[in-house]
Amino acid sequence: MTLKSTLVATFVALSLSLASGALAADVINVDDAYARSAGKSAKAGAAFMMIENQGETDDRLIGAASDVADRVELHTHKIDENGVAKMMQVEDGILIPAGETHMLKRGGDHVMFMGLNAPFEQGAMVPVTLIFEQAGEVVVEIPIDLERKDNGGHSN
């Protein structure tokens, strides 16, 4: 491959990548996001947010990634037959219907950080890449709010 054809191929790949990111930003809107952990010695944390699908087709949040923890997974809470809430991984992803908003909130669906590399500090930011089946990757900077009582849009 000549230098010219290599440069052209690189430019095309970069253009497609940027277009895909722009498409995701146009279709998926993330709002009111925050992350928290139970305390300075916590080995796990979570992120909550409103995800709006402004597109005309359903999409599915199928994963998340961040350098702040060893593992990042999508989780939810289920009530077992004894009435006890248990947290579990959502392996099939989280449906975000076309034209609707889905809440990731305490006691429900959320992004889980396991094996935190450092304690969450009030006011710091957590870079997270949300991975959607249709829209692709959406990168968000999520503020850490250890004091939030969650009685607004994320109430439960």
Protein backbone atom coordinates (compact mmCIF):
# COMPACT_ATOMS: atom_id res chain seq x y z
CA MET A 1 0.00 0.00 0.00
CA THR A 2 1.45 3.40 -0.96
CA LEU A 3 1.71 6.28 1.47
CA LYS A 4 -1.03 8.13 -0.43
CA SER A 5 -3.48 5.21 -0.29
CA THR A 6 -2.66 4.65 3.40
CA LEU A 7 -3.41 8.32 4.16
CA VAL A 8 -6.67 8.17 2.19
CA ALA A 9 -7.75 4.98 4.00
CA THR A 10 -6.90 6.56 7.36
CA PHE A 11 -8.85 9.71 6.50
CA VAL A 12 -11.91 7.70 5.42
CA ALA A 13 -11.82 5.58 8.59
CA LEU A 14 -11.47 8.70 10.76
CA SER A 15 -14.33 10.42 8.92
CA LEU A 16 -16.61 7.40 9.40
CA SER A 17 -15.68 7.22 13.07
CA LEU A 18 -16.43 10.92 13.60
CA ALA A 19 -19.70 10.63 11.69
CA SER A 20 -20.72 7.67 13.85
CA GLY A 21 -19.96 9.68 17.00
CA ALA A 22 -21.95 12.63 15.69
CA LEU A 23 -24.88 10.31 14.93
CA ALA A 24 -24.82 8.94 18.47
CA ALA A 25 -24.77 12.46 19.90
CA ASP A 26 -27.74 13.40 17.70
CA VAL A 27 -29.81 10.35 18.67
CA ILE A 28 -28.86 9.61 22.29
CA ASN A 29 -29.01 12.35 24.92
CA VAL A 30 -27.63 11.77 28.44
CA ASP A 31 -28.78 14.18 31.12
CA ASP A 32 -28.73 14.62 34.91
CA ALA A 33 -25.90 12.10 35.34
CA TYR A 34 -24.05 11.58 38.59
CA ALA A 35 -21.85 8.91 40.16
CA ARG A 36 -21.38 7.91 43.76
CA SER A 37 -19.88 5.36 46.10
CA ALA A 38 -20.79 4.43 49.67
CA GLY A 39 -17.66 6.04 51.13
CA LYS A 40 -13.92 6.62 50.84
CA SER A 41 -13.09 2.94 51.43
CA ALA A 42 -15.73 1.63 49.01
CA LYS A 43 -14.49 -0.75 46.33
CA ALA A 44 -17.57 -0.17 44.17
CA GLY A 45 -19.57 2.76 42.88
CA ALA A 46 -22.44 3.43 40.52
CA ALA A 47 -23.62 5.99 37.97
CA PHE A 48 -27.17 7.13 37.40
CA MET A 49 -28.62 9.22 34.57
CA MET A 50 -31.49 9.88 32.20
CA ILE A 51 -30.93 8.45 28.72
CA GLU A 52 -33.16 9.84 25.99
CA ASN A 53 -33.45 8.11 22.63
CA GLN A 54 -34.31 10.90 20.19
CA GLY A 55 -34.20 8.50 17.27
CA GLU A 56 -37.01 6.78 15.41
CA THR A 57 -35.90 3.24 16.28
CA ASP A 58 -35.40 1.47 19.59
CA ASP A 59 -31.84 1.17 20.83
CA ARG A 60 -30.22 -0.83 23.58
CA LEU A 61 -27.50 0.16 26.04
CA ILE A 62 -25.31 -2.94 25.83
CA GLY A 63 -22.24 -1.94 27.82
CA ALA A 64 -20.15 0.71 29.51
CA ALA A 65 -16.44 1.27 29.97
CA SER A 66 -14.28 3.46 32.20
CA ASP A 67 -10.73 3.49 33.49
CA VAL A 68 -11.88 4.25 37.08
CA ALA A 69 -12.54 0.58 37.91
CA ASP A 70 -11.38 -2.93 37.10
CA ARG A 71 -14.86 -3.82 35.79
CA VAL A 72 -17.80 -1.76 34.55
CA GLU A 73 -21.14 -3.50 34.10
CA LEU A 74 -24.80 -2.71 33.60
CA HIS A 75 -26.79 -3.71 36.69
CA THR A 76 -30.35 -3.70 37.98
CA HIS A 77 -32.22 -4.69 41.13
CA LYS A 78 -34.72 -7.55 41.22
CA ILE A 79 -37.01 -8.50 44.08
CA ASP A 80 -36.75 -12.22 44.87
CA GLU A 81 -39.54 -14.51 46.09
CA ASN A 82 -38.78 -13.48 49.71
CA GLY A 83 -39.18 -9.77 48.93
CA VAL A 84 -35.43 -9.13 49.13
CA ALA A 85 -33.88 -6.80 46.55
CA LYS A 86 -30.82 -8.27 44.85
CA MET A 87 -28.47 -6.53 42.47
CA MET A 88 -27.63 -8.41 39.28
CA GLN A 89 -25.85 -7.84 35.99
CA VAL A 90 -28.03 -7.05 32.96
CA GLU A 91 -26.47 -9.24 30.31
CA ASP A 92 -28.89 -8.46 27.47
CA GLY A 93 -28.56 -4.70 27.87
CA ILE A 94 -31.12 -2.04 28.69
CA LEU A 95 -33.79 -1.15 26.13
CA ILE A 96 -34.11 2.56 25.32
CA PRO A 97 -37.33 2.83 23.26
CA ALA A 98 -37.49 5.27 20.35
CA GLY A 99 -38.64 8.73 21.42
CA GLU A 100 -38.52 7.83 25.13
CA THR A 101 -36.34 8.41 28.18
CA HIS A 102 -35.07 5.61 30.41
CA MET A 103 -33.92 6.38 33.95
CA LEU A 104 -30.84 4.73 35.39
CA LYS A 105 -31.56 5.25 39.09
CA ARG A 106 -30.91 3.95 42.57
CA GLY A 107 -32.83 0.77 43.19
CA GLY A 108 -33.13 0.16 39.44
CA ASP A 109 -30.95 0.04 36.36
CA HIS A 110 -27.49 1.62 36.75
CA VAL A 111 -23.86 1.52 35.63
CA MET A 112 -21.79 -0.37 38.22
CA PHE A 113 -18.07 0.24 38.82
CA MET A 114 -16.37 -2.69 40.58
CA GLY A 115 -12.82 -2.61 41.87
CA LEU A 116 -12.43 1.17 42.01
CA ASN A 117 -8.86 2.24 41.27
CA ALA A 118 -9.18 5.20 43.68
CA PRO A 119 -11.85 6.52 46.03
CA PHE A 120 -14.58 8.66 44.47
CA GLU A 121 -14.01 12.29 45.48
CA GLN A 122 -16.86 14.80 45.71
CA GLY A 123 -16.89 17.06 42.63
CA ALA A 124 -14.46 14.99 40.55
CA MET A 125 -15.46 13.70 37.11
CA VAL A 126 -15.73 10.10 35.91
CA PRO A 127 -15.19 9.53 32.17
CA VAL A 128 -17.59 6.82 30.96
CA THR A 129 -18.19 5.40 27.50
CA LEU A 130 -21.75 4.14 27.07
CA ILE A 131 -22.06 1.55 24.32
CA PHE A 132 -25.31 1.34 22.38
CA GLU A 133 -26.36 -1.35 19.92
CA GLN A 134 -27.42 1.16 17.23
CA ALA A 135 -25.89 4.52 18.17
CA GLY A 136 -22.46 3.14 19.05
CA GLU A 137 -20.31 4.82 21.68
CA VAL A 138 -21.37 7.89 23.63
CA VAL A 139 -18.67 9.39 25.87
CA VAL A 140 -19.88 11.27 28.95
CA GLU A 141 -18.12 13.01 31.84
CA ILE A 142 -20.12 12.19 34.95
CA PRO A 143 -19.72 14.32 38.08
CA ILE A 144 -19.25 12.53 41.39
CA ASP A 145 -21.89 13.63 43.89
CA LEU A 146 -21.58 11.79 47.19
CA GLU A 147 -24.14 14.03 48.87
CA ARG A 148 -27.05 13.74 46.46
CA LYS A 149 -30.23 12.52 48.12
CA ASP A 150 -31.77 11.58 44.77
CA ASN A 151 -35.23 13.02 45.32
CA GLY A 152 -35.46 14.64 41.90
CA GLY A 153 -35.82 12.84 38.57
CA HIS A 154 -34.10 9.77 39.99
CA SER A 155 -36.46 9.25 42.91
CA ASN A 156 -37.52 5.77 43.89
